[in-house]
């Protein structure tokens, strides 16, 4: 569904910036924070921001000689845009699965929260496996956060830790499995 938005709007950069501002409607951003968070090239970001300012989707405010940008909640199409952006899943399950598999010996992956447009979960992604490369994990999360437009709440643990916590009826783990979720990878089958 993310592809639909990219075709509906004129660029992937525009969609990333819309998500960033709509997912963080209470925040103000400096230009360099926008570029870093969205991973959109500075020239494209500047162009999109100027377009957003022109139609009054964004507002800017000067504070201590710095310019801050934030979403204009009074924008005539604010609610409609927010619903549209949230309805479209920010990243496909196949894309997430293929990227996660590169992190190490992955045994189980569950998505929830932002990936299912739900706020009823404590996490967005649970990754279970061994030999997970922390540098690759950080890059993966950073890329997904740029697409989603907000920070990802994640849990990464070993297979043994998940089994142990399930056997102890760990409230946090039980809440994850009782909240709306989708299992992307299950190489543990009935182990959990």
N, C-alpha and C. Protein backbone atom coordinates (compact mmCIF):
# COMPACT_ATOMS: atom_id res chain seq x y z
N UNK A 1 0.82 -1.19 0.00
CA UNK A 1 0.00 0.00 0.00
C UNK A 1 0.86 1.26 0.00
N UNK A 2 2.09 1.13 0.49
CA UNK A 2 3.00 2.27 0.50
C UNK A 2 3.27 2.76 -0.94
N UNK A 3 3.30 1.80 -1.89
CA UNK A 3 3.53 2.16 -3.29
C UNK A 3 2.40 3.02 -3.84
N UNK A 4 1.19 2.76 -3.35
CA UNK A 4 0.03 3.55 -3.79
C UNK A 4 0.25 5.01 -3.42
N UNK A 5 0.68 5.24 -2.17
CA UNK A 5 0.93 6.62 -1.74
C UNK A 5 2.02 7.28 -2.56
N UNK A 6 3.08 6.51 -2.83
CA UNK A 6 4.19 7.07 -3.60
C UNK A 6 3.76 7.46 -5.01
N UNK A 7 2.78 6.74 -5.55
CA UNK A 7 2.26 7.08 -6.87
C UNK A 7 1.18 8.15 -6.79
N UNK A 8 0.43 8.16 -5.71
CA UNK A 8 -0.60 9.17 -5.52
C UNK A 8 0.03 10.54 -5.32
N UNK A 9 1.07 10.57 -4.51
CA UNK A 9 1.83 11.80 -4.33
C UNK A 9 2.96 11.77 -5.33
N UNK A 10 3.65 12.88 -5.52
CA UNK A 10 4.60 12.93 -6.61
C UNK A 10 5.98 12.36 -6.30
N UNK A 11 6.27 12.01 -5.04
CA UNK A 11 7.58 11.43 -4.77
C UNK A 11 7.59 10.66 -3.45
N UNK A 12 8.54 9.76 -3.35
CA UNK A 12 8.75 9.02 -2.11
C UNK A 12 9.18 9.99 -0.99
N UNK A 13 9.95 11.01 -1.36
CA UNK A 13 10.39 12.00 -0.39
C UNK A 13 9.19 12.72 0.23
N UNK A 14 8.22 13.06 -0.58
CA UNK A 14 7.02 13.74 -0.08
C UNK A 14 6.28 12.86 0.93
N UNK A 15 6.15 11.58 0.61
CA UNK A 15 5.46 10.65 1.51
C UNK A 15 6.21 10.51 2.83
N UNK A 16 7.55 10.41 2.75
CA UNK A 16 8.35 10.30 3.97
C UNK A 16 8.18 11.53 4.85
N UNK A 17 8.16 12.70 4.24
CA UNK A 17 8.02 13.93 5.02
C UNK A 17 6.60 14.07 5.58
N UNK A 18 5.60 13.68 4.81
CA UNK A 18 4.24 13.68 5.33
C UNK A 18 4.14 12.79 6.56
N UNK A 19 4.71 11.59 6.46
CA UNK A 19 4.68 10.67 7.60
C UNK A 19 5.41 11.25 8.81
N UNK A 20 6.56 11.85 8.56
CA UNK A 20 7.34 12.43 9.65
C UNK A 20 6.52 13.48 10.40
N UNK A 21 5.92 14.40 9.67
CA UNK A 21 5.18 15.48 10.32
C UNK A 21 3.86 14.99 10.93
N UNK A 22 3.16 14.10 10.24
CA UNK A 22 1.87 13.64 10.76
C UNK A 22 2.03 12.67 11.93
N UNK A 23 3.12 11.91 11.95
CA UNK A 23 3.37 11.00 13.07
C UNK A 23 3.96 11.71 14.28
N UNK A 24 4.37 12.93 14.09
CA UNK A 24 4.98 13.72 15.17
C UNK A 24 4.35 15.10 15.22
N UNK A 25 3.04 15.11 15.25
CA UNK A 25 2.30 16.37 15.11
C UNK A 25 2.51 17.36 16.26
N UNK A 26 3.06 16.89 17.36
CA UNK A 26 3.32 17.77 18.51
C UNK A 26 4.74 18.34 18.50
N UNK A 27 5.55 17.93 17.54
CA UNK A 27 6.97 18.29 17.55
C UNK A 27 7.31 19.36 16.52
N UNK A 28 8.40 20.05 16.81
CA UNK A 28 9.00 21.00 15.88
C UNK A 28 10.37 20.46 15.49
N UNK A 29 10.73 20.66 14.23
CA UNK A 29 11.98 20.13 13.72
C UNK A 29 12.82 21.23 13.09
N UNK A 30 14.12 21.15 13.33
CA UNK A 30 15.07 21.95 12.57
C UNK A 30 15.25 21.26 11.22
N UNK A 31 15.71 22.01 10.23
CA UNK A 31 15.87 21.43 8.89
C UNK A 31 16.78 20.20 8.90
N UNK A 32 17.92 20.30 9.59
CA UNK A 32 18.84 19.15 9.60
C UNK A 32 18.22 17.94 10.30
N UNK A 33 17.34 18.15 11.28
CA UNK A 33 16.64 17.03 11.92
C UNK A 33 15.67 16.36 10.95
N UNK A 34 15.05 17.15 10.11
CA UNK A 34 14.12 16.62 9.10
C UNK A 34 14.88 15.74 8.12
N UNK A 35 16.01 16.24 7.64
CA UNK A 35 16.82 15.49 6.68
C UNK A 35 17.34 14.20 7.30
N UNK A 36 17.83 14.27 8.52
CA UNK A 36 18.38 13.10 9.20
C UNK A 36 17.29 12.08 9.49
N UNK A 37 16.17 12.51 10.03
CA UNK A 37 15.09 11.60 10.39
C UNK A 37 14.45 10.93 9.19
N UNK A 38 14.26 11.67 8.14
CA UNK A 38 13.56 11.13 6.97
C UNK A 38 14.49 10.46 5.96
N UNK A 39 15.78 10.74 6.08
CA UNK A 39 16.77 10.24 5.11
C UNK A 39 16.42 10.69 3.68
N UNK A 40 15.93 11.91 3.60
CA UNK A 40 15.64 12.53 2.30
C UNK A 40 16.77 13.51 2.03
N UNK A 41 17.25 13.54 0.79
CA UNK A 41 18.32 14.47 0.42
C UNK A 41 17.90 15.90 0.75
N UNK A 42 18.86 16.68 1.18
CA UNK A 42 18.59 18.05 1.62
C UNK A 42 17.88 18.88 0.54
N UNK A 43 18.31 18.73 -0.70
CA UNK A 43 17.70 19.53 -1.77
C UNK A 43 16.23 19.15 -1.97
N UNK A 44 15.93 17.85 -1.91
CA UNK A 44 14.54 17.40 -2.04
C UNK A 44 13.71 17.83 -0.84
N UNK A 45 14.30 17.70 0.35
CA UNK A 45 13.60 18.10 1.57
C UNK A 45 13.25 19.58 1.52
N UNK A 46 14.20 20.41 1.11
CA UNK A 46 13.97 21.85 1.00
C UNK A 46 12.81 22.14 0.04
N UNK A 47 12.82 21.46 -1.10
CA UNK A 47 11.77 21.66 -2.11
C UNK A 47 10.40 21.29 -1.54
N UNK A 48 10.32 20.13 -0.87
CA UNK A 48 9.04 19.67 -0.31
C UNK A 48 8.58 20.58 0.83
N UNK A 49 9.50 20.99 1.68
CA UNK A 49 9.15 21.87 2.78
C UNK A 49 8.60 23.20 2.25
N UNK A 50 9.24 23.72 1.23
CA UNK A 50 8.74 24.98 0.63
C UNK A 50 7.34 24.79 0.05
N UNK A 51 7.09 23.65 -0.57
CA UNK A 51 5.74 23.36 -1.09
C UNK A 51 4.73 23.25 0.04
N UNK A 52 5.12 22.58 1.11
CA UNK A 52 4.24 22.42 2.27
C UNK A 52 3.95 23.77 2.94
N UNK A 53 4.96 24.64 2.98
CA UNK A 53 4.76 25.98 3.56
C UNK A 53 3.81 26.80 2.68
N UNK A 54 3.98 26.66 1.38
CA UNK A 54 3.17 27.41 0.42
C UNK A 54 1.68 27.09 0.56
N UNK A 55 1.36 25.82 0.81
CA UNK A 55 -0.05 25.43 0.95
C UNK A 55 -0.53 25.48 2.41
N UNK A 56 0.39 25.88 3.29
CA UNK A 56 0.12 26.02 4.73
C UNK A 56 -0.10 24.70 5.45
N UNK A 57 0.47 23.62 4.91
CA UNK A 57 0.48 22.33 5.63
C UNK A 57 1.48 22.41 6.78
N UNK A 58 2.58 23.14 6.55
CA UNK A 58 3.58 23.35 7.59
C UNK A 58 3.59 24.81 8.00
N UNK A 59 4.04 25.02 9.22
CA UNK A 59 4.30 26.38 9.69
C UNK A 59 5.75 26.42 10.16
N UNK A 60 6.32 27.61 10.10
CA UNK A 60 7.69 27.75 10.59
C UNK A 60 7.71 28.81 11.68
N UNK A 61 8.65 28.63 12.58
CA UNK A 61 8.78 29.54 13.71
C UNK A 61 10.26 29.75 13.97
N UNK A 62 10.61 31.02 14.19
CA UNK A 62 12.00 31.35 14.52
C UNK A 62 12.16 31.40 16.02
N UNK A 63 13.19 30.74 16.51
CA UNK A 63 13.48 30.75 17.94
C UNK A 63 15.00 30.68 18.09
N UNK A 64 15.56 31.65 18.78
CA UNK A 64 17.01 31.72 19.00
C UNK A 64 17.78 31.62 17.68
N UNK A 65 17.33 32.38 16.69
CA UNK A 65 17.96 32.45 15.37
C UNK A 65 17.94 31.14 14.60
N UNK A 66 17.07 30.22 15.01
CA UNK A 66 16.90 28.95 14.29
C UNK A 66 15.47 28.86 13.82
N UNK A 67 15.28 28.19 12.67
CA UNK A 67 13.94 28.03 12.12
C UNK A 67 13.45 26.61 12.41
N UNK A 68 12.28 26.54 13.03
CA UNK A 68 11.64 25.26 13.36
C UNK A 68 10.41 25.08 12.48
N UNK A 69 10.19 23.84 12.05
CA UNK A 69 9.04 23.51 11.22
C UNK A 69 8.14 22.54 11.97
N UNK A 70 6.84 22.74 11.82
CA UNK A 70 5.88 21.82 12.42
C UNK A 70 4.63 21.77 11.55
N UNK A 71 3.86 20.70 11.76
CA UNK A 71 2.63 20.54 10.98
C UNK A 71 1.59 21.53 11.49
N UNK A 72 0.82 22.05 10.57
CA UNK A 72 -0.27 22.96 10.88
C UNK A 72 -1.53 22.13 11.08
N UNK A 73 -1.93 21.93 12.33
CA UNK A 73 -3.11 21.11 12.62
C UNK A 73 -4.40 21.76 12.15
N UNK A 74 -4.34 23.02 11.78
CA UNK A 74 -5.51 23.72 11.24
C UNK A 74 -5.58 23.61 9.72
N UNK A 75 -4.61 22.94 9.12
CA UNK A 75 -4.60 22.75 7.66
C UNK A 75 -5.92 22.11 7.25
N UNK A 76 -6.51 22.60 6.20
CA UNK A 76 -7.85 22.19 5.79
C UNK A 76 -8.00 20.67 5.57
N UNK A 77 -6.95 20.01 5.12
CA UNK A 77 -7.01 18.57 4.87
C UNK A 77 -6.21 17.75 5.89
N UNK A 78 -5.92 18.36 7.02
CA UNK A 78 -5.08 17.70 8.04
C UNK A 78 -5.63 16.32 8.43
N UNK A 79 -6.87 16.25 8.84
CA UNK A 79 -7.45 14.98 9.29
C UNK A 79 -7.51 13.94 8.18
N UNK A 80 -7.87 14.38 6.98
CA UNK A 80 -7.95 13.45 5.85
C UNK A 80 -6.57 12.90 5.48
N UNK A 81 -5.58 13.79 5.45
CA UNK A 81 -4.21 13.35 5.15
C UNK A 81 -3.71 12.38 6.22
N UNK A 82 -3.98 12.69 7.46
CA UNK A 82 -3.54 11.83 8.57
C UNK A 82 -4.15 10.44 8.43
N UNK A 83 -5.45 10.38 8.16
CA UNK A 83 -6.10 9.07 7.97
C UNK A 83 -5.52 8.31 6.79
N UNK A 84 -5.30 9.02 5.70
CA UNK A 84 -4.75 8.39 4.49
C UNK A 84 -3.35 7.85 4.74
N UNK A 85 -2.51 8.65 5.35
CA UNK A 85 -1.13 8.24 5.62
C UNK A 85 -1.10 7.07 6.59
N UNK A 86 -1.94 7.10 7.61
CA UNK A 86 -1.94 6.02 8.61
C UNK A 86 -2.55 4.74 8.05
N UNK A 87 -3.48 4.87 7.11
CA UNK A 87 -4.13 3.68 6.55
C UNK A 87 -3.16 2.88 5.70
N UNK A 88 -2.26 3.57 5.04
CA UNK A 88 -1.28 2.90 4.19
C UNK A 88 -0.15 2.38 5.06
N UNK A 89 0.09 1.10 5.02
CA UNK A 89 1.16 0.50 5.81
C UNK A 89 2.49 1.09 5.38
N UNK A 90 3.33 1.47 6.33
CA UNK A 90 4.58 2.15 6.00
C UNK A 90 5.64 1.28 5.34
N UNK A 91 5.59 -0.01 5.56
CA UNK A 91 6.59 -0.89 4.96
C UNK A 91 5.96 -2.25 4.75
N UNK A 92 6.25 -2.87 3.63
CA UNK A 92 5.65 -4.17 3.34
C UNK A 92 6.25 -5.26 4.21
N UNK A 93 5.44 -6.26 4.52
CA UNK A 93 5.89 -7.39 5.33
C UNK A 93 7.06 -8.12 4.66
N UNK A 94 6.98 -8.27 3.34
CA UNK A 94 8.06 -8.95 2.60
C UNK A 94 9.37 -8.19 2.72
N UNK A 95 9.29 -6.87 2.60
CA UNK A 95 10.49 -6.05 2.70
C UNK A 95 11.10 -6.15 4.09
N UNK A 96 10.26 -6.06 5.12
CA UNK A 96 10.76 -6.18 6.49
C UNK A 96 11.40 -7.55 6.70
N UNK A 97 10.72 -8.60 6.26
CA UNK A 97 11.24 -9.97 6.43
C UNK A 97 12.60 -10.14 5.77
N UNK A 98 12.72 -9.69 4.52
CA UNK A 98 13.99 -9.87 3.82
C UNK A 98 15.13 -9.08 4.47
N UNK A 99 14.82 -7.89 4.98
CA UNK A 99 15.86 -7.10 5.64
C UNK A 99 16.25 -7.68 6.99
N UNK A 100 15.27 -8.18 7.75
CA UNK A 100 15.55 -8.76 9.06
C UNK A 100 16.41 -10.02 8.93
N UNK A 101 16.18 -10.79 7.90
CA UNK A 101 16.94 -12.04 7.72
C UNK A 101 18.44 -11.79 7.56
N UNK A 102 18.82 -10.59 7.19
CA UNK A 102 20.23 -10.25 7.01
C UNK A 102 20.93 -9.89 8.33
N UNK A 103 20.16 -9.83 9.42
CA UNK A 103 20.71 -9.37 10.70
C UNK A 103 21.44 -10.46 11.48
N UNK A 104 21.17 -11.71 11.18
CA UNK A 104 21.76 -12.82 11.92
C UNK A 104 20.96 -14.08 11.70
N UNK A 105 21.05 -15.01 12.63
CA UNK A 105 20.28 -16.26 12.54
C UNK A 105 18.90 -16.00 13.16
N UNK A 106 17.98 -15.57 12.34
CA UNK A 106 16.67 -15.14 12.80
C UNK A 106 15.74 -16.35 12.90
N UNK A 107 15.06 -16.44 14.05
CA UNK A 107 14.15 -17.56 14.30
C UNK A 107 12.69 -17.13 14.33
N UNK A 108 12.44 -15.87 14.70
CA UNK A 108 11.05 -15.43 14.85
C UNK A 108 10.98 -13.91 14.73
N UNK A 109 9.99 -13.42 13.98
CA UNK A 109 9.76 -11.98 13.85
C UNK A 109 8.26 -11.72 13.89
N UNK A 110 7.89 -10.77 14.72
CA UNK A 110 6.50 -10.38 14.89
C UNK A 110 6.43 -8.87 14.74
N UNK A 111 5.45 -8.40 13.96
CA UNK A 111 5.25 -6.95 13.86
C UNK A 111 3.92 -6.59 14.50
N UNK A 112 3.85 -5.38 14.97
CA UNK A 112 2.67 -4.89 15.67
C UNK A 112 2.68 -3.37 15.60
N UNK A 113 1.90 -2.74 16.44
CA UNK A 113 1.95 -1.28 16.56
C UNK A 113 1.85 -0.54 15.26
N UNK A 114 2.85 0.28 14.98
CA UNK A 114 2.84 1.16 13.82
C UNK A 114 2.68 0.40 12.50
N UNK A 115 3.18 -0.82 12.43
CA UNK A 115 3.09 -1.58 11.18
C UNK A 115 1.67 -2.08 10.90
N UNK A 116 0.85 -2.12 11.94
CA UNK A 116 -0.54 -2.55 11.79
C UNK A 116 -1.50 -1.40 12.07
N UNK A 117 -0.95 -0.20 12.08
CA UNK A 117 -1.74 1.01 12.38
C UNK A 117 -2.54 0.85 13.67
N UNK A 118 -1.85 0.34 14.67
CA UNK A 118 -2.48 0.10 15.96
C UNK A 118 -1.67 0.79 17.06
N UNK A 119 -2.36 1.34 18.01
CA UNK A 119 -1.66 1.93 19.14
C UNK A 119 -1.89 1.10 20.40
N UNK A 120 -2.32 -0.14 20.21
CA UNK A 120 -2.62 -1.03 21.34
C UNK A 120 -1.48 -1.96 21.67
N UNK A 121 -0.30 -1.70 21.17
CA UNK A 121 0.84 -2.56 21.43
C UNK A 121 1.98 -1.76 22.04
N UNK A 122 2.74 -2.42 22.89
CA UNK A 122 3.89 -1.77 23.51
C UNK A 122 5.08 -1.72 22.56
N UNK A 123 5.09 -2.59 21.57
CA UNK A 123 6.22 -2.63 20.63
C UNK A 123 5.71 -2.61 19.20
N UNK A 124 6.64 -2.35 18.29
CA UNK A 124 6.33 -2.39 16.87
C UNK A 124 6.91 -3.64 16.21
N UNK A 125 8.03 -4.12 16.73
CA UNK A 125 8.64 -5.32 16.15
C UNK A 125 9.40 -6.10 17.23
N UNK A 126 9.22 -7.42 17.18
CA UNK A 126 9.94 -8.35 18.05
C UNK A 126 10.81 -9.20 17.15
N UNK A 127 12.11 -9.21 17.43
CA UNK A 127 13.06 -10.00 16.64
C UNK A 127 13.72 -11.00 17.58
N UNK A 128 13.65 -12.27 17.22
CA UNK A 128 14.22 -13.34 18.04
C UNK A 128 15.22 -14.10 17.19
N UNK A 129 16.42 -14.28 17.74
CA UNK A 129 17.43 -15.05 17.02
C UNK A 129 18.77 -15.00 17.71
N UNK A 130 19.74 -15.58 17.05
CA UNK A 130 21.09 -15.63 17.58
C UNK A 130 22.04 -14.87 16.65
N UNK A 131 23.16 -14.46 17.22
CA UNK A 131 24.22 -13.77 16.46
C UNK A 131 23.69 -12.57 15.68
N UNK A 132 22.83 -11.80 16.30
CA UNK A 132 22.26 -10.63 15.62
C UNK A 132 23.29 -9.50 15.64
N UNK A 133 23.61 -9.04 14.47
CA UNK A 133 24.60 -7.98 14.30
C UNK A 133 23.97 -6.64 14.71
N UNK A 134 24.46 -6.07 15.80
CA UNK A 134 23.87 -4.83 16.35
C UNK A 134 24.03 -3.64 15.40
N UNK A 135 25.13 -3.60 14.67
CA UNK A 135 25.32 -2.51 13.71
C UNK A 135 24.29 -2.57 12.59
N UNK A 136 24.08 -3.78 12.06
CA UNK A 136 23.08 -3.96 11.00
C UNK A 136 21.67 -3.70 11.55
N UNK A 137 21.43 -4.11 12.79
CA UNK A 137 20.13 -3.87 13.42
C UNK A 137 19.86 -2.37 13.52
N UNK A 138 20.87 -1.62 13.94
CA UNK A 138 20.73 -0.17 14.07
C UNK A 138 20.41 0.47 12.71
N UNK A 139 21.11 0.03 11.66
CA UNK A 139 20.88 0.55 10.31
C UNK A 139 19.47 0.19 9.84
N UNK A 140 19.08 -1.07 10.06
CA UNK A 140 17.74 -1.53 9.68
C UNK A 140 16.67 -0.66 10.34
N UNK A 141 16.80 -0.46 11.65
CA UNK A 141 15.81 0.33 12.38
C UNK A 141 15.79 1.78 11.90
N UNK A 142 16.96 2.33 11.65
CA UNK A 142 17.06 3.70 11.16
C UNK A 142 16.34 3.86 9.81
N UNK A 143 16.53 2.89 8.91
CA UNK A 143 15.87 2.93 7.60
C UNK A 143 14.36 2.81 7.73
N UNK A 144 13.91 1.91 8.59
CA UNK A 144 12.47 1.73 8.79
C UNK A 144 11.86 2.98 9.43
N UNK A 145 12.57 3.56 10.40
CA UNK A 145 12.08 4.78 11.05
C UNK A 145 11.94 5.92 10.05
N UNK A 146 12.86 5.99 9.08
CA UNK A 146 12.78 7.03 8.06
C UNK A 146 11.53 6.83 7.20
N UNK A 147 11.18 5.58 6.90
CA UNK A 147 9.98 5.30 6.11
C UNK A 147 8.71 5.57 6.90
N UNK A 148 8.71 5.15 8.15
CA UNK A 148 7.53 5.27 9.01
C UNK A 148 7.32 6.71 9.45
N UNK A 149 8.41 7.41 9.69
CA UNK A 149 8.31 8.80 10.13
C UNK A 149 8.29 8.95 11.64
N UNK A 150 8.65 7.89 12.34
CA UNK A 150 8.73 7.97 13.80
C UNK A 150 9.60 6.84 14.33
N UNK A 151 9.99 6.95 15.58
CA UNK A 151 10.82 5.92 16.20
C UNK A 151 10.09 4.60 16.31
N UNK A 152 10.84 3.52 16.16
CA UNK A 152 10.28 2.17 16.25
C UNK A 152 10.61 1.60 17.61
N UNK A 153 9.60 1.12 18.29
CA UNK A 153 9.80 0.41 19.56
C UNK A 153 10.06 -1.05 19.22
N UNK A 154 11.23 -1.53 19.59
CA UNK A 154 11.58 -2.90 19.23
C UNK A 154 12.11 -3.66 20.43
N UNK A 155 12.04 -4.98 20.30
CA UNK A 155 12.64 -5.88 21.27
C UNK A 155 13.41 -6.91 20.47
N UNK A 156 14.63 -7.12 20.89
CA UNK A 156 15.50 -8.11 20.24
C UNK A 156 16.00 -9.03 21.35
N UNK A 157 15.80 -10.35 21.17
CA UNK A 157 16.23 -11.29 22.19
C UNK A 157 16.60 -12.63 21.56
N UNK A 158 17.27 -13.44 22.36
CA UNK A 158 17.66 -14.78 21.90
C UNK A 158 16.46 -15.72 22.00
N UNK A 159 16.57 -16.84 21.32
CA UNK A 159 15.53 -17.86 21.36
C UNK A 159 15.34 -18.37 22.78
N UNK A 160 16.44 -18.63 23.48
CA UNK A 160 16.35 -19.12 24.86
C UNK A 160 15.66 -18.12 25.77
N UNK A 161 15.96 -16.83 25.59
CA UNK A 161 15.32 -15.81 26.42
C UNK A 161 13.81 -15.77 26.19
N UNK A 162 13.40 -15.86 24.93
CA UNK A 162 11.96 -15.85 24.64
C UNK A 162 11.28 -17.07 25.26
N UNK A 163 11.89 -18.23 25.09
CA UNK A 163 11.32 -19.45 25.69
C UNK A 163 11.21 -19.31 27.20
N UNK A 164 12.26 -18.82 27.84
CA UNK A 164 12.26 -18.67 29.29
C UNK A 164 11.17 -17.70 29.74
N UNK A 165 11.10 -16.56 29.08
CA UNK A 165 10.14 -15.54 29.48
C UNK A 165 8.71 -16.02 29.26
N UNK A 166 8.48 -16.79 28.19
CA UNK A 166 7.14 -17.36 27.96
C UNK A 166 6.81 -18.38 29.06
N UNK A 167 7.79 -19.20 29.43
CA UNK A 167 7.55 -20.24 30.45
C UNK A 167 7.28 -19.62 31.83
N UNK A 168 7.80 -18.42 32.06
CA UNK A 168 7.59 -17.72 33.34
C UNK A 168 6.35 -16.81 33.28
N UNK A 169 5.61 -16.88 32.18
CA UNK A 169 4.42 -16.06 31.98
C UNK A 169 4.72 -14.57 32.17
N UNK A 170 5.86 -14.17 31.60
CA UNK A 170 6.29 -12.77 31.64
C UNK A 170 5.18 -11.89 31.06
N UNK A 171 4.72 -10.95 31.85
CA UNK A 171 3.59 -10.09 31.47
C UNK A 171 3.86 -9.31 30.18
N UNK A 172 5.07 -8.80 30.03
CA UNK A 172 5.43 -8.05 28.84
C UNK A 172 5.29 -8.92 27.58
N UNK A 173 5.83 -10.11 27.63
CA UNK A 173 5.77 -11.02 26.48
C UNK A 173 4.33 -11.44 26.20
N UNK A 174 3.59 -11.75 27.24
CA UNK A 174 2.18 -12.13 27.06
C UNK A 174 1.40 -10.98 26.42
N UNK A 175 1.65 -9.75 26.85
CA UNK A 175 0.98 -8.58 26.26
C UNK A 175 1.29 -8.44 24.78
N UNK A 176 2.54 -8.73 24.40
CA UNK A 176 2.91 -8.65 22.98
C UNK A 176 2.06 -9.62 22.16
N UNK A 177 1.94 -10.86 22.65
CA UNK A 177 1.20 -11.87 21.90
C UNK A 177 -0.32 -11.71 21.99
N UNK A 178 -0.79 -10.97 22.97
CA UNK A 178 -2.23 -10.73 23.09
C UNK A 178 -2.66 -9.47 22.34
N UNK A 179 -1.73 -8.59 22.04
CA UNK A 179 -2.03 -7.39 21.27
C UNK A 179 -2.15 -7.75 19.79
N UNK A 180 -2.82 -6.89 18.99
CA UNK A 180 -2.86 -7.16 17.55
C UNK A 180 -1.43 -7.28 17.01
N UNK A 181 -1.17 -8.36 16.27
CA UNK A 181 0.17 -8.59 15.73
C UNK A 181 0.08 -9.47 14.48
N UNK A 182 1.21 -9.54 13.80
CA UNK A 182 1.34 -10.41 12.63
C UNK A 182 2.71 -11.06 12.71
N UNK A 183 2.74 -12.37 12.59
CA UNK A 183 4.01 -13.10 12.60
C UNK A 183 4.54 -13.13 11.17
N UNK A 184 5.75 -12.62 10.99
CA UNK A 184 6.37 -12.60 9.66
C UNK A 184 7.26 -13.81 9.43
N UNK A 185 7.99 -14.21 10.46
CA UNK A 185 8.91 -15.35 10.36
C UNK A 185 8.70 -16.21 11.59
N UNK A 186 8.54 -17.50 11.38
CA UNK A 186 8.38 -18.43 12.51
C UNK A 186 9.15 -19.70 12.20
N UNK A 187 10.38 -19.74 12.64
CA UNK A 187 11.22 -20.93 12.50
C UNK A 187 11.31 -21.68 13.83
N UNK A 188 10.45 -21.28 14.75
CA UNK A 188 10.42 -21.94 16.05
C UNK A 188 9.19 -22.84 16.16
N UNK A 189 8.22 -22.59 15.32
CA UNK A 189 6.94 -23.28 15.30
C UNK A 189 6.35 -23.35 16.70
N UNK A 190 6.20 -24.50 17.24
CA UNK A 190 5.51 -24.65 18.52
C UNK A 190 6.41 -24.48 19.73
N UNK A 191 7.64 -24.05 19.51
CA UNK A 191 8.58 -23.84 20.63
C UNK A 191 8.14 -22.71 21.54
N UNK A 192 7.33 -21.79 21.04
CA UNK A 192 6.98 -20.63 21.88
C UNK A 192 5.55 -20.63 22.30
